[in-house]
């Protein structure tokens, strides 16, 4: 962890005394390697379970199948750029449905705000990808090199066959995990069985190899070597969370009202006039960020609560009550320190109520939008040049392009009806319909079809409006478009 080193600006500089000028490297302390010790307890168990669940979802979700019909990948979650669609189980989104994606991101952000206002940075401590993969990498490191003390001894020991084999084994497994992480990521953008089958044959898309390589390297370095530096220096969330919490938020807290004054204690000594903290530093040794929770709120703390497990274990050993470090609020700790009864924790307060209400409104709107989302979309584009053509019989002709979007998986037959000024007739290029008032247009499943239409009308009223009505022949679902009809000025 890098921390500022105080400099006495009033002192005489070495250069003024004929010595060497001060080095800029001395302005900041060099990062010290952190060797987190394995914690035991309920929070550590929760972290194991969350890590297993999140990694299981990430690696396994692309392989979940979902029947979508012929010609469409049967993948439950897929961002298919080739067909310009996003699939999420029964939800199918087109580029025109980008507002649903925006709404989902807003809901996710508000949920994160709500959780932060209630439980602090619990997201960072349990479900953040950086935390999950770092936890996994530390588990691998511990398997090859041992726990905290063993790893420290190994790093200080001279190079040997034993040390080299342990280091190489650790980094090899790290690279395998990183490769599987990058490989799993690309499966969300391509049909998983297809791209996996062609991967080692060189038949996968070039973008798949490119992004898999990027994710492999970033996973290896961020989770393997940078670790806490990502949370401290690269992630903006520690700076943002200060605006989202208050004195009523539950945070991992050292209860100084009970722990101070602290210091080592012999069995023969009394607990009178001293705190419960025996300065064993177990909370520091298990911290993956290498900080001391007893120093108060710190930007580096990710609220993983491993210090709670370590402290509770020590309290049991020395016969003191658990909870010296616990989830607590600032206002409760301050009240107990002053000898007052802490106020009851308020879950419902202005900010949490605001987040919940906004989330509910957006959620209801999204559900309503998805439930009523049309599977048919039409667009009519009028020719700009020429705006109209004068036919030999005196009638005016305009050209249009009708775009039909079928968002259903089955092929459909659409009925086209065009209404407008008297004497109107239309012709679909490439189709023989003898000027019938209603025309059947086939559309493929998940298809986009374009039809060229010529509309003619008597040269009467200038610039009349015409209406294009497209109706599903089976379900009756319809979409209506209006367009202008240009003609010679009267």
Protein backbone atom coordinates (compact mmCIF):
# COMPACT_ATOMS: atom_id res chain seq x y z
CA UNK A 1 0.00 0.00 0.00
CA UNK A 2 1.37 3.36 -0.93
CA UNK A 3 1.12 6.08 1.70
CA UNK A 4 2.44 9.62 1.89
CA UNK A 5 5.64 10.24 3.82
CA UNK A 6 5.71 13.53 5.75
CA UNK A 7 8.54 15.89 4.87
CA UNK A 8 9.81 18.65 7.11
CA UNK A 9 9.93 21.64 4.78
CA UNK A 10 11.79 23.73 7.37
CA UNK A 11 14.74 21.36 7.53
CA UNK A 12 17.94 22.21 5.70
CA UNK A 13 18.16 20.29 2.45
CA UNK A 14 21.14 17.98 2.01
CA UNK A 15 22.07 19.80 -1.19
CA UNK A 16 22.51 23.03 0.78
CA UNK A 17 24.99 21.26 3.04
CA UNK A 18 26.98 19.89 0.16
CA UNK A 19 25.27 16.49 0.20
CA UNK A 20 23.20 14.71 -2.43
CA UNK A 21 19.84 16.24 -3.44
CA UNK A 22 16.74 14.53 -2.07
CA UNK A 23 15.39 11.67 -4.17
CA UNK A 24 11.82 11.84 -5.44
CA UNK A 25 11.35 8.15 -4.64
CA UNK A 26 11.33 9.03 -0.93
CA UNK A 27 8.09 10.98 -1.27
CA UNK A 28 6.07 7.74 -1.23
CA UNK A 29 6.61 4.45 0.53
CA UNK A 30 7.13 1.38 -1.62
CA UNK A 31 4.21 -1.03 -1.77
CA UNK A 32 4.50 -3.87 0.68
CA UNK A 33 3.39 -7.34 -0.30
CA UNK A 34 0.22 -8.39 1.53
CA UNK A 35 -0.06 -11.95 2.82
CA UNK A 36 -3.67 -12.38 3.97
CA UNK A 37 -4.15 -15.15 6.49
CA UNK A 38 -6.99 -17.65 6.09
CA UNK A 39 -9.93 -16.65 8.27
CA UNK A 40 -12.49 -19.04 9.73
CA UNK A 41 -16.08 -18.13 10.51
CA UNK A 42 -19.50 -17.35 9.11
CA UNK A 43 -18.41 -14.45 6.90
CA UNK A 44 -15.60 -16.49 5.39
CA UNK A 45 -18.12 -19.25 4.67
CA UNK A 46 -20.48 -16.74 3.04
CA UNK A 47 -17.62 -15.54 0.84
CA UNK A 48 -16.84 -19.13 -0.20
CA UNK A 49 -20.49 -19.71 -1.12
CA UNK A 50 -20.81 -16.42 -3.01
CA UNK A 51 -17.57 -17.08 -4.88
CA UNK A 52 -18.74 -20.55 -5.90
CA UNK A 53 -22.15 -19.24 -6.97
CA UNK A 54 -20.88 -16.26 -8.97
CA UNK A 55 -18.12 -18.23 -10.70
CA UNK A 56 -20.57 -21.03 -11.42
CA UNK A 57 -22.98 -18.59 -13.06
CA UNK A 58 -20.23 -16.87 -15.04
CA UNK A 59 -18.64 -20.04 -16.40
CA UNK A 60 -21.85 -22.06 -16.81
CA UNK A 61 -24.47 -19.59 -18.05
CA UNK A 62 -23.35 -19.60 -21.74
CA UNK A 63 -24.00 -23.35 -21.84
CA UNK A 64 -27.63 -23.08 -20.73
CA UNK A 65 -29.82 -23.89 -23.72
CA UNK A 66 -33.08 -22.19 -24.70
CA UNK A 67 -35.14 -23.19 -27.71
CA UNK A 68 -35.48 -20.21 -30.05
CA UNK A 69 -36.50 -21.85 -33.29
CA UNK A 70 -34.73 -22.75 -36.49
CA UNK A 71 -31.78 -20.63 -37.56
CA UNK A 72 -31.27 -18.99 -34.16
CA UNK A 73 -28.66 -20.09 -31.56
CA UNK A 74 -30.37 -22.01 -28.76
CA UNK A 75 -28.51 -20.10 -26.05
CA UNK A 76 -30.28 -18.65 -23.01
CA UNK A 77 -28.00 -15.59 -22.70
CA UNK A 78 -26.40 -14.29 -25.87
CA UNK A 79 -25.41 -10.91 -27.28
CA UNK A 80 -25.54 -11.84 -30.96
CA UNK A 81 -23.95 -8.95 -32.86
CA UNK A 82 -24.22 -10.82 -36.16
CA UNK A 83 -28.03 -10.74 -36.02
CA UNK A 84 -28.13 -7.52 -33.95
CA UNK A 85 -30.07 -9.08 -31.10
CA UNK A 86 -29.68 -9.69 -27.38
CA UNK A 87 -31.23 -12.79 -25.84
CA UNK A 88 -31.89 -13.26 -22.14
CA UNK A 89 -33.98 -16.39 -21.60
CA UNK A 90 -37.49 -15.41 -22.75
CA UNK A 91 -36.52 -11.77 -23.41
CA UNK A 92 -35.40 -10.85 -26.93
CA UNK A 93 -34.14 -7.32 -27.51
CA UNK A 94 -33.43 -5.63 -30.82
CA UNK A 95 -31.38 -2.46 -31.38
CA UNK A 96 -34.66 -0.53 -31.27
CA UNK A 97 -35.14 -1.82 -27.70
CA UNK A 98 -32.03 -0.13 -26.35
CA UNK A 99 -34.17 1.69 -23.78
CA UNK A 100 -34.77 -1.63 -22.00
CA UNK A 101 -31.01 -2.14 -21.68
CA UNK A 102 -30.64 1.40 -20.37
CA UNK A 103 -33.41 0.76 -17.87
CA UNK A 104 -31.70 -2.43 -16.70
CA UNK A 105 -28.43 -0.58 -16.13
CA UNK A 106 -30.24 2.15 -14.20
CA UNK A 107 -31.95 -0.47 -12.04
CA UNK A 108 -28.61 -2.15 -11.34
CA UNK A 109 -27.06 1.19 -10.35
CA UNK A 110 -29.96 2.06 -8.06
CA UNK A 111 -29.81 -1.39 -6.46
CA UNK A 112 -26.11 -0.83 -5.79
CA UNK A 113 -26.92 2.58 -4.27
CA UNK A 114 -29.60 1.03 -2.06
CA UNK A 115 -27.37 -1.79 -0.85
CA UNK A 116 -24.55 0.68 -0.15
CA UNK A 117 -26.84 2.92 1.88
CA UNK A 118 -27.87 -0.11 3.95
CA UNK A 119 -24.72 -2.24 4.23
CA UNK A 120 -21.85 -0.09 3.02
CA UNK A 121 -19.47 -1.62 0.49
CA UNK A 122 -20.82 -5.15 0.80
CA UNK A 123 -20.79 -5.35 -3.02
CA UNK A 124 -17.03 -4.83 -3.01
CA UNK A 125 -16.44 -7.43 -0.34
CA UNK A 126 -18.50 -10.25 -1.81
CA UNK A 127 -19.64 -9.91 -5.43
CA UNK A 128 -17.28 -7.51 -7.19
CA UNK A 129 -15.45 -9.45 -9.96
CA UNK A 130 -12.10 -8.13 -8.76
CA UNK A 131 -12.80 -9.44 -5.26
CA UNK A 132 -14.13 -12.81 -6.46
CA UNK A 133 -11.20 -13.59 -8.75
CA UNK A 134 -8.64 -12.25 -6.28
CA UNK A 135 -10.14 -14.53 -3.63
CA UNK A 136 -9.86 -17.46 -6.03
CA UNK A 137 -6.23 -16.59 -6.85
CA UNK A 138 -5.35 -16.33 -3.16
CA UNK A 139 -6.93 -19.75 -2.60
CA UNK A 140 -4.69 -21.18 -5.34
CA UNK A 141 -1.68 -19.38 -3.89
CA UNK A 142 -2.42 -20.80 -0.46
CA UNK A 143 -2.73 -24.31 -1.93
CA UNK A 144 0.77 -24.13 -3.45
CA UNK A 145 2.65 -22.00 -0.92
CA UNK A 146 0.77 -22.43 2.36
CA UNK A 147 -0.88 -19.90 4.63
CA UNK A 148 0.42 -16.48 5.60
CA UNK A 149 3.52 -17.49 7.60
CA UNK A 150 4.55 -20.18 5.10
CA UNK A 151 4.23 -17.77 2.16
CA UNK A 152 6.29 -15.14 3.91
CA UNK A 153 9.02 -17.68 4.68
CA UNK A 154 8.97 -18.96 1.10
CA UNK A 155 9.40 -15.47 -0.37
CA UNK A 156 12.33 -14.74 1.93
CA UNK A 157 14.01 -18.08 1.26
CA UNK A 158 16.70 -18.42 -1.47
CA UNK A 159 15.65 -19.91 -4.76
CA UNK A 160 15.55 -23.71 -4.78
CA UNK A 161 13.83 -26.51 -6.69
CA UNK A 162 11.04 -26.52 -4.10
CA UNK A 163 10.47 -22.78 -4.31
CA UNK A 164 10.65 -22.73 -8.11
CA UNK A 165 8.18 -25.62 -8.47
CA UNK A 166 5.70 -23.99 -6.10
CA UNK A 167 5.91 -20.64 -7.88
CA UNK A 168 5.64 -22.16 -11.35
CA UNK A 169 2.70 -24.33 -10.28
CA UNK A 170 0.87 -21.33 -8.83
CA UNK A 171 1.36 -19.17 -11.91
CA UNK A 172 0.44 -22.02 -14.24
CA UNK A 173 -2.92 -22.49 -12.48
CA UNK A 174 -3.40 -18.71 -12.47
CA UNK A 175 -2.93 -18.65 -16.24
CA UNK A 176 -5.35 -21.54 -16.72
CA UNK A 177 -8.00 -19.73 -14.66
CA UNK A 178 -7.33 -16.52 -16.59
CA UNK A 179 -7.67 -18.36 -19.90
CA UNK A 180 -10.96 -19.97 -18.86
CA UNK A 181 -12.17 -16.54 -17.73
CA UNK A 182 -11.37 -14.93 -21.07
CA UNK A 183 -12.75 -17.91 -22.95
CA UNK A 184 -16.00 -17.87 -21.01
CA UNK A 185 -16.44 -14.18 -21.75
CA UNK A 186 -16.47 -14.63 -25.52
CA UNK A 187 -19.11 -17.36 -25.20
CA UNK A 188 -21.60 -14.64 -24.31
CA UNK A 189 -21.09 -13.11 -27.78
CA UNK A 190 -21.08 -16.28 -29.90
CA UNK A 191 -22.94 -19.58 -29.82
CA UNK A 192 -21.01 -21.42 -27.09
CA UNK A 193 -20.85 -24.97 -28.58
CA UNK A 194 -19.95 -23.65 -32.04
CA UNK A 195 -17.13 -21.33 -30.99
CA UNK A 196 -15.78 -23.84 -28.46
CA UNK A 197 -15.67 -26.61 -31.07
CA UNK A 198 -13.79 -24.43 -33.54
CA UNK A 199 -11.52 -22.69 -31.04
CA UNK A 200 -8.53 -25.06 -31.16
CA UNK A 201 -8.99 -25.65 -34.90
CA UNK A 202 -8.51 -21.97 -35.65
CA UNK A 203 -12.09 -21.69 -36.90
CA UNK A 204 -13.37 -19.24 -34.26
CA UNK A 205 -13.84 -15.57 -35.23
CA UNK A 206 -10.73 -13.41 -34.97
CA UNK A 207 -12.47 -11.16 -32.44
CA UNK A 208 -12.95 -14.19 -30.18
CA UNK A 209 -9.20 -14.82 -29.99
CA UNK A 210 -8.50 -11.12 -29.54
CA UNK A 211 -10.87 -10.52 -26.63
CA UNK A 212 -10.08 -13.86 -25.00
CA UNK A 213 -6.42 -12.84 -24.98
CA UNK A 214 -7.20 -9.44 -23.48
CA UNK A 215 -9.36 -10.96 -20.73
CA UNK A 216 -6.73 -13.61 -20.01
CA UNK A 217 -4.03 -11.00 -19.45
CA UNK A 218 -6.20 -8.61 -17.44
CA UNK A 219 -7.47 -11.40 -15.18
CA UNK A 220 -3.96 -12.70 -14.57
CA UNK A 221 -2.45 -9.33 -13.69
CA UNK A 222 -5.39 -7.72 -11.88
CA UNK A 223 -6.22 -10.71 -9.67
CA UNK A 224 -2.73 -12.16 -9.44
CA UNK A 225 -0.32 -9.29 -9.00
CA UNK A 226 -2.19 -5.99 -8.58
CA UNK A 227 -4.98 -7.11 -6.25
CA UNK A 228 -5.64 -4.44 -3.61
CA UNK A 229 -4.10 -1.75 -5.83
CA UNK A 230 -7.05 -2.10 -8.22
CA UNK A 231 -9.49 -1.35 -5.40
CA UNK A 232 -7.42 1.50 -3.99
CA UNK A 233 -6.23 3.33 -7.09
CA UNK A 234 -8.16 2.15 -10.16
CA UNK A 235 -11.73 1.70 -8.93
CA UNK A 236 -13.84 4.88 -8.62
CA UNK A 237 -16.40 3.26 -6.32
CA UNK A 238 -14.58 4.00 -3.02
CA UNK A 239 -14.74 7.72 -3.88
CA UNK A 240 -18.41 7.56 -4.87
CA UNK A 241 -19.70 5.58 -1.92
CA UNK A 242 -19.05 8.46 0.50
CA UNK A 243 -21.99 10.30 -1.04
CA UNK A 244 -24.26 7.27 -0.71
CA UNK A 245 -23.85 6.42 2.95
CA UNK A 246 -24.63 8.17 6.21
CA UNK A 247 -24.26 7.57 9.94
CA UNK A 248 -27.17 5.08 9.77
CA UNK A 249 -25.49 2.71 7.28
CA UNK A 250 -24.23 -0.60 8.63
CA UNK A 251 -20.48 -0.83 8.08
CA UNK A 252 -17.76 -3.17 9.27
CA UNK A 253 -16.78 -1.25 12.41
CA UNK A 254 -14.28 -1.53 15.22
CA UNK A 255 -16.24 -0.69 18.37
CA UNK A 256 -13.69 1.55 20.01
CA UNK A 257 -16.10 2.26 22.84
CA UNK A 258 -15.55 -1.31 23.95
CA UNK A 259 -12.03 -2.02 22.68
CA UNK A 260 -10.11 0.98 24.06
CA UNK A 261 -7.72 1.36 25.71
CA UNK A 262 -6.17 -1.66 24.06
CA UNK A 263 -2.94 -3.53 24.59
CA UNK A 264 -1.45 -6.97 25.33
CA UNK A 265 -2.83 -8.80 28.37
CA UNK A 266 -1.64 -11.64 30.54
CA UNK A 267 -4.06 -14.17 32.01
CA UNK A 268 -3.32 -12.96 35.52
CA UNK A 269 -4.21 -9.36 34.70
CA UNK A 270 -7.66 -7.89 35.32
CA UNK A 271 -9.99 -6.56 32.62
CA UNK A 272 -10.77 -3.52 34.72
CA UNK A 273 -9.95 -0.11 33.25
CA UNK A 274 -8.95 -1.48 29.89
CA UNK A 275 -10.63 -2.48 26.61
CA UNK A 276 -11.26 -5.90 25.15
CA UNK A 277 -8.77 -5.46 22.29
CA UNK A 278 -5.54 -7.29 23.17
CA UNK A 279 -3.66 -5.92 20.15
CA UNK A 280 -3.20 -9.38 18.60
CA UNK A 281 -3.35 -7.97 15.04
CA UNK A 282 -5.40 -10.92 13.80
CA UNK A 283 -7.80 -8.49 12.11
CA UNK A 284 -4.87 -7.01 10.18
CA UNK A 285 -3.41 -10.37 9.19
CA UNK A 286 -6.62 -11.65 7.56
CA UNK A 287 -7.36 -8.38 5.74
CA UNK A 288 -6.84 -8.75 1.95
CA UNK A 289 -6.29 -4.99 1.77
CA UNK A 290 -3.63 -4.97 4.49
CA UNK A 291 -5.31 -2.25 6.59
CA UNK A 292 -6.09 -1.96 10.29
CA UNK A 293 -9.84 -1.68 10.84
CA UNK A 294 -9.13 -0.12 14.23
CA UNK A 295 -7.93 3.04 12.48
CA UNK A 296 -11.53 3.88 11.59
CA UNK A 297 -13.20 4.26 8.21
CA UNK A 298 -10.74 3.93 5.35
CA UNK A 299 -11.04 4.16 1.59
CA UNK A 300 -9.29 0.81 1.16
CA UNK A 301 -11.76 -1.20 3.27
CA UNK A 302 -13.96 -3.41 1.06
CA UNK A 303 -16.17 -4.64 3.94
CA UNK A 304 -15.39 -8.31 3.39
CA UNK A 305 -15.90 -8.79 7.18
CA UNK A 306 -13.04 -11.28 7.51
CA UNK A 307 -11.72 -9.15 10.36
CA UNK A 308 -14.99 -9.89 12.20
CA UNK A 309 -14.34 -13.63 11.92
CA UNK A 310 -10.75 -13.27 13.10
CA UNK A 311 -11.69 -11.05 16.04
CA UNK A 312 -14.62 -13.24 17.11
CA UNK A 313 -12.36 -16.29 17.10
CA UNK A 314 -9.87 -14.48 19.34
CA UNK A 315 -12.60 -13.22 21.68
CA UNK A 316 -13.76 -16.81 22.22
CA UNK A 317 -10.20 -17.87 23.07
CA UNK A 318 -9.77 -15.16 25.71
CA UNK A 319 -13.27 -15.53 27.13
CA UNK A 320 -14.70 -12.19 26.02
CA UNK A 321 -17.99 -11.54 24.16
CA UNK A 322 -17.96 -11.58 20.38
CA UNK A 323 -18.68 -8.45 18.37
CA UNK A 324 -15.68 -6.24 19.13
CA UNK A 325 -15.58 -5.82 15.36
CA UNK A 326 -19.03 -6.05 13.81
CA UNK A 327 -21.50 -4.52 11.41
CA UNK A 328 -22.57 -1.36 13.19
CA UNK A 329 -23.49 2.26 12.57
CA UNK A 330 -21.44 5.33 13.36
CA UNK A 331 -24.23 6.84 15.40
CA UNK A 332 -24.54 3.71 17.57
CA UNK A 333 -20.81 3.54 18.33
CA UNK A 334 -20.68 7.25 19.17
CA UNK A 335 -23.71 6.94 21.47
CA UNK A 336 -22.23 4.01 23.41
CA UNK A 337 -18.92 5.83 23.71
CA UNK A 338 -20.75 8.66 25.45
CA UNK A 339 -22.57 6.27 27.77
CA UNK A 340 -25.91 6.63 26.01
CA UNK A 341 -28.27 4.02 24.65
CA UNK A 342 -27.76 3.75 20.88
CA UNK A 343 -30.80 4.62 18.78
CA UNK A 344 -32.65 1.89 16.94
CA UNK A 345 -31.25 1.20 13.50
CA UNK A 346 -33.43 2.75 10.80
CA UNK A 347 -33.68 0.78 7.59
CA UNK A 348 -36.39 3.03 6.16
CA UNK A 349 -35.07 6.54 5.85
CA UNK A 350 -35.10 9.26 3.22
CA UNK A 351 -32.37 7.97 0.93
CA UNK A 352 -33.33 4.28 1.10
CA UNK A 353 -36.98 5.14 0.52
CA UNK A 354 -36.06 7.30 -2.47
CA UNK A 355 -33.95 4.53 -4.05
CA UNK A 356 -36.69 1.95 -3.46
CA UNK A 357 -39.43 4.14 -4.93
CA UNK A 358 -37.42 5.04 -8.04
CA UNK A 359 -36.47 1.38 -8.53
CA UNK A 360 -40.10 0.32 -8.21
CA UNK A 361 -41.28 2.88 -10.76
CA UNK A 362 -38.60 1.95 -13.29
CA UNK A 363 -39.16 -1.76 -12.68
CA UNK A 364 -42.93 -1.48 -13.23
CA UNK A 365 -42.39 0.52 -16.42
CA UNK A 366 -39.94 -2.06 -17.74
CA UNK A 367 -42.21 -5.00 -16.94
CA UNK A 368 -45.15 -3.23 -18.56
CA UNK A 369 -43.01 -2.38 -21.59
CA UNK A 370 -41.77 -5.96 -21.99
CA UNK A 371 -45.28 -7.39 -21.52
CA UNK A 372 -46.73 -5.10 -24.18
CA UNK A 373 -43.70 -5.04 -26.48
CA UNK A 374 -44.75 -5.38 -30.09
CA UNK A 375 -43.31 -8.20 -32.20
CA UNK A 376 -43.99 -6.23 -35.36
CA UNK A 377 -42.34 -3.00 -36.42
CA UNK A 378 -42.67 -1.12 -39.69
CA UNK A 379 -40.95 1.90 -41.15
CA UNK A 380 -41.82 3.75 -44.35
CA UNK A 381 -39.10 5.73 -46.09
CA UNK A 382 -40.15 8.04 -48.90
CA UNK A 383 -37.94 8.61 -51.91
CA UNK A 384 -36.29 12.01 -51.79
CA UNK A 385 -35.03 12.17 -55.35
CA UNK A 386 -37.10 12.50 -57.35
CA UNK A 387 -39.88 13.46 -54.90
CA UNK A 388 -42.53 12.44 -57.48
CA UNK A 389 -42.94 11.36 -61.09
CA UNK A 390 -45.60 12.58 -63.52
CA UNK A 391 -47.02 9.58 -65.40
CA UNK A 392 -48.20 9.68 -69.02
CA UNK A 393 -51.85 9.48 -67.99
CA UNK A 394 -51.53 12.59 -65.81
CA UNK A 395 -51.34 10.82 -62.45
CA UNK A 396 -48.67 11.48 -59.82
CA UNK A 397 -46.43 8.63 -58.65
CA UNK A 398 -44.33 8.51 -55.41
CA UNK A 399 -41.81 5.85 -54.42
CA UNK A 400 -41.49 4.32 -50.92
CA UNK A 401 -39.44 1.66 -49.16
CA UNK A 402 -41.37 -0.40 -46.62
CA UNK A 403 -39.22 -2.04 -43.92
CA UNK A 404 -40.89 -4.91 -42.05
CA UNK A 405 -39.30 -6.18 -38.82
CA UNK A 406 -40.56 -9.52 -37.47
CA UNK A 407 -39.40 -9.92 -33.84
CA UNK A 408 -41.04 -13.34 -33.50
CA UNK A 409 -39.20 -16.59 -34.16
CA UNK A 410 -41.84 -17.92 -36.57
CA UNK A 411 -42.33 -16.77 -40.19
CA UNK A 412 -45.39 -14.58 -40.58
CA UNK A 413 -47.65 -13.26 -43.32
CA UNK A 414 -48.40 -9.54 -43.22
CA UNK A 415 -51.33 -7.82 -44.88
CA UNK A 416 -50.49 -4.46 -46.40
CA UNK A 417 -53.18 -1.84 -46.92
CA UNK A 418 -52.56 1.66 -48.26
CA UNK A 419 -55.19 4.37 -47.92
CA UNK A 420 -55.11 7.92 -49.22
CA UNK A 421 -56.64 10.30 -51.75
CA UNK A 422 -59.20 9.16 -54.31
CA UNK A 423 -58.01 7.15 -57.26
CA UNK A 424 -55.02 5.81 -55.32
CA UNK A 425 -53.30 2.65 -56.54
CA UNK A 426 -50.05 0.98 -55.59
CA UNK A 427 -47.66 -1.60 -56.90
CA UNK A 428 -45.04 -3.65 -55.02
CA UNK A 429 -42.06 -4.14 -57.28
CA UNK A 430 -41.41 -7.81 -57.92
CA UNK A 431 -44.95 -8.90 -56.99
CA UNK A 432 -47.99 -9.28 -59.23
CA UNK A 433 -51.12 -8.29 -57.35
CA UNK A 434 -53.21 -6.60 -60.05
CA UNK A 435 -53.83 -3.49 -57.94
CA UNK A 436 -55.71 -5.30 -55.15
CA UNK A 437 -56.47 -3.20 -52.10
CA UNK A 438 -54.78 -5.63 -49.65
CA UNK A 439 -51.52 -7.49 -50.34
CA UNK A 440 -49.90 -10.41 -48.51
CA UNK A 441 -46.21 -9.90 -47.66
CA UNK A 442 -44.17 -12.82 -46.24
CA UNK A 443 -41.63 -12.10 -43.47
CA UNK A 444 -39.07 -14.58 -42.13
CA UNK A 445 -38.79 -15.37 -38.43
CA UNK A 446 -36.51 -12.86 -36.68
CA UNK A 447 -36.32 -11.30 -40.12
CA UNK A 448 -36.08 -7.84 -41.63
CA UNK A 449 -37.60 -7.54 -45.11
CA UNK A 450 -37.75 -4.51 -47.38
CA UNK A 451 -40.28 -3.92 -50.15
CA UNK A 452 -40.20 -1.28 -52.85
CA UNK A 453 -43.63 0.30 -53.36
CA UNK A 454 -44.85 2.71 -56.02
CA UNK A 455 -48.01 4.67 -55.16
CA UNK A 456 -49.97 6.61 -57.78
CA UNK A 457 -52.87 9.05 -57.30
CA UNK A 458 -54.84 11.56 -59.28
CA UNK A 459 -53.25 14.97 -59.63
CA UNK A 460 -55.75 16.69 -57.39
CA UNK A 461 -55.16 17.93 -53.86
CA UNK A 462 -51.52 18.95 -53.29
CA UNK A 463 -49.40 16.98 -50.76
CA UNK A 464 -52.10 14.64 -49.34
CA UNK A 465 -51.23 12.14 -46.55
CA UNK A 466 -51.34 8.40 -47.15
CA UNK A 467 -51.53 5.65 -44.53
CA UNK A 468 -49.62 2.36 -44.58
CA UNK A 469 -51.25 -0.31 -42.40
CA UNK A 470 -49.48 -3.63 -41.85
CA UNK A 471 -51.46 -6.37 -40.07
CA UNK A 472 -50.48 -9.88 -39.02
CA UNK A 473 -52.81 -12.18 -40.94
CA UNK A 474 -53.02 -14.62 -38.01
CA UNK A 475 -52.85 -12.60 -34.78
CA UNK A 476 -54.25 -9.29 -35.97
CA UNK A 477 -51.30 -7.32 -34.54
CA UNK A 478 -50.98 -4.13 -36.56
CA UNK A 479 -48.67 -1.19 -37.06
CA UNK A 480 -49.60 2.04 -38.82
CA UNK A 481 -47.28 4.53 -40.54
CA UNK A 482 -48.14 7.89 -42.09
CA UNK A 483 -46.22 9.44 -44.93
CA UNK A 484 -46.60 12.39 -47.26
CA UNK A 485 -47.53 12.20 -50.92
CA UNK A 486 -45.82 14.79 -53.06
CA UNK A 487 -47.28 16.17 -56.27
CA UNK A 488 -47.18 19.12 -58.61
CA UNK A 489 -48.19 22.40 -57.04
CA UNK A 490 -51.72 23.42 -58.05
